[in-house]
C-alpha atoms as a PDB file:
ATOM      1  CA  UNK A   1      69.144 127.899 192.337  1.00  0.00           C
ATOM      2  CA  UNK A   2      71.467 131.219 193.395  1.00  0.00           C
ATOM      3  CA  UNK A   3      75.147 130.228 192.559  1.00  0.00           C
ATOM      4  CA  UNK A   4      78.094 131.769 194.944  1.00  0.00           C
ATOM      5  CA  UNK A   5      81.760 132.321 193.323  1.00  0.00           C
ATOM      6  CA  UNK A   6      85.119 131.918 195.240  1.00  0.00           C
ATOM      7  CA  UNK A   7      87.031 134.516 194.245  1.00  0.00           C
ATOM      8  CA  UNK A   8      91.333 134.894 195.194  1.00  0.00           C
ATOM      9  CA  UNK A   9      92.471 137.953 195.650  1.00  0.00           C
ATOM     10  CA  UNK A  10      96.122 138.071 195.734  1.00  0.00           C
ATOM     11  CA  UNK A  11      96.679 142.494 195.657  1.00  0.00           C
ATOM     12  CA  UNK A  12      94.805 145.628 195.742  1.00  0.00           C
ATOM     13  CA  UNK A  13      95.962 145.804 191.837  1.00  0.00           C
ATOM     14  CA  UNK A  14      95.719 142.220 191.263  1.00  0.00           C
ATOM     15  CA  UNK A  15      92.169 140.801 188.605  1.00  0.00           C
ATOM     16  CA  UNK A  16      90.424 138.753 191.006  1.00  0.00           C
ATOM     17  CA  UNK A  17      89.845 135.212 189.927  1.00  0.00           C
ATOM     18  CA  UNK A  18      87.299 133.387 190.495  1.00  0.00           C
ATOM     19  CA  UNK A  19      88.111 129.350 191.412  1.00  0.00           C
ATOM     20  CA  UNK A  20      85.050 128.329 192.288  1.00  0.00           C
ATOM     21  CA  UNK A  21      81.131 127.761 192.398  1.00  0.00           C
ATOM     22  CA  UNK A  22      79.264 126.759 194.982  1.00  0.00           C
ATOM     23  CA  UNK A  23      75.311 126.565 195.867  1.00  0.00           C
ATOM     24  CA  UNK A  24      75.084 128.539 199.352  1.00  0.00           C
ATOM     25  CA  UNK A  25      77.095 131.576 201.182  1.00  0.00           C
ATOM     26  CA  UNK A  26      77.878 128.528 203.709  1.00  0.00           C
ATOM     27  CA  UNK A  27      79.475 126.012 201.218  1.00  0.00           C
ATOM     28  CA  UNK A  28      81.823 128.732 199.487  1.00  0.00           C
ATOM     29  CA  UNK A  29      82.508 130.320 202.905  1.00  0.00           C
ATOM     30  CA  UNK A  30      83.096 126.345 204.509  1.00  0.00           C
ATOM     31  CA  UNK A  31      85.739 126.184 201.042  1.00  0.00           C
ATOM     32  CA  UNK A  32      87.505 130.128 202.012  1.00  0.00           C
ATOM     33  CA  UNK A  33      87.933 128.491 205.271  1.00  0.00           C
ATOM     34  CA  UNK A  34      89.229 125.251 204.582  1.00  0.00           C
ATOM     35  CA  UNK A  35      91.298 126.530 201.628  1.00  0.00           C
ATOM     36  CA  UNK A  36      92.830 129.270 203.495  1.00  0.00           C
ATOM     37  CA  UNK A  37      94.066 126.602 206.740  1.00  0.00           C
ATOM     38  CA  UNK A  38      95.336 125.198 203.879  1.00  0.00           C
ATOM     39  CA  UNK A  39      97.953 127.746 202.283  1.00  0.00           C
ATOM     40  CA  UNK A  40      98.600 129.029 205.396  1.00  0.00           C
ATOM     41  CA  UNK A  41     100.292 125.485 206.682  1.00  0.00           C
ATOM     42  CA  UNK A  42     101.431 125.232 203.837  1.00  0.00           C
ATOM     43  CA  UNK A  43     102.783 129.135 203.096  1.00  0.00           C
ATOM     44  CA  UNK A  44     102.152 130.817 206.408  1.00  0.00           C
ATOM     45  CA  UNK A  45     104.088 134.794 204.627  1.00  0.00           C
ATOM     46  CA  UNK A  46     101.222 134.382 201.790  1.00  0.00           C
ATOM     47  CA  UNK A  47      98.950 137.547 200.995  1.00  0.00           C
ATOM     48  CA  UNK A  48      95.719 136.790 199.539  1.00  0.00           C
ATOM     49  CA  UNK A  49      91.933 136.788 200.510  1.00  0.00           C
ATOM     50  CA  UNK A  50      89.094 134.776 199.806  1.00  0.00           C
ATOM     51  CA  UNK A  51      85.798 136.104 198.854  1.00  0.00           C
ATOM     52  CA  UNK A  52      82.631 134.505 198.175  1.00  0.00           C
ATOM     53  CA  UNK A  53      79.820 136.624 195.920  1.00  0.00           C
ATOM     54  CA  UNK A  54      76.752 135.982 195.179  1.00  0.00           C
ATOM     55  CA  UNK A  55      77.010 135.535 191.199  1.00  0.00           C
ATOM     56  CA  UNK A  56      73.490 135.253 190.610  1.00  0.00           C
ATOM     57  CA  UNK A  57      69.901 135.236 191.494  1.00  0.00           C
ATOM     58  CA  UNK A  58      69.063 131.918 190.275  1.00  0.00           C
ATOM     59  CA  UNK A  59      66.045 133.366 187.809  1.00  0.00           C
ATOM     60  CA  UNK A  60      66.119 132.852 183.788  1.00  0.00           C
ATOM     61  CA  UNK A  61      68.169 135.224 181.930  1.00  0.00           C
ATOM     62  CA  UNK A  62      71.192 135.333 184.895  1.00  0.00           C
ATOM     63  CA  UNK A  63      74.736 135.041 183.609  1.00  0.00           C
ATOM     64  CA  UNK A  64      76.954 132.362 183.505  1.00  0.00           C
ATOM     65  CA  UNK A  65      80.240 131.624 185.401  1.00  0.00           C
ATOM     66  CA  UNK A  66      82.867 133.097 183.157  1.00  0.00           C
ATOM     67  CA  UNK A  67      84.995 131.016 181.417  1.00  0.00           C
END
């Protein structure tokens, strides 16, 4: 089964941060939208992006999530 990572990007030169694993692009995108809305409500001037990235194909030998 493929795995999609939710990645937080805070600036063009900052290191992206892996913040979650999701079983589909749809669930990852829903989490990104929900998180973005929650953060914007508490910190409307926050400058960040949440990106969904396919981490693997679900086949044997694919890498695991970062630790």
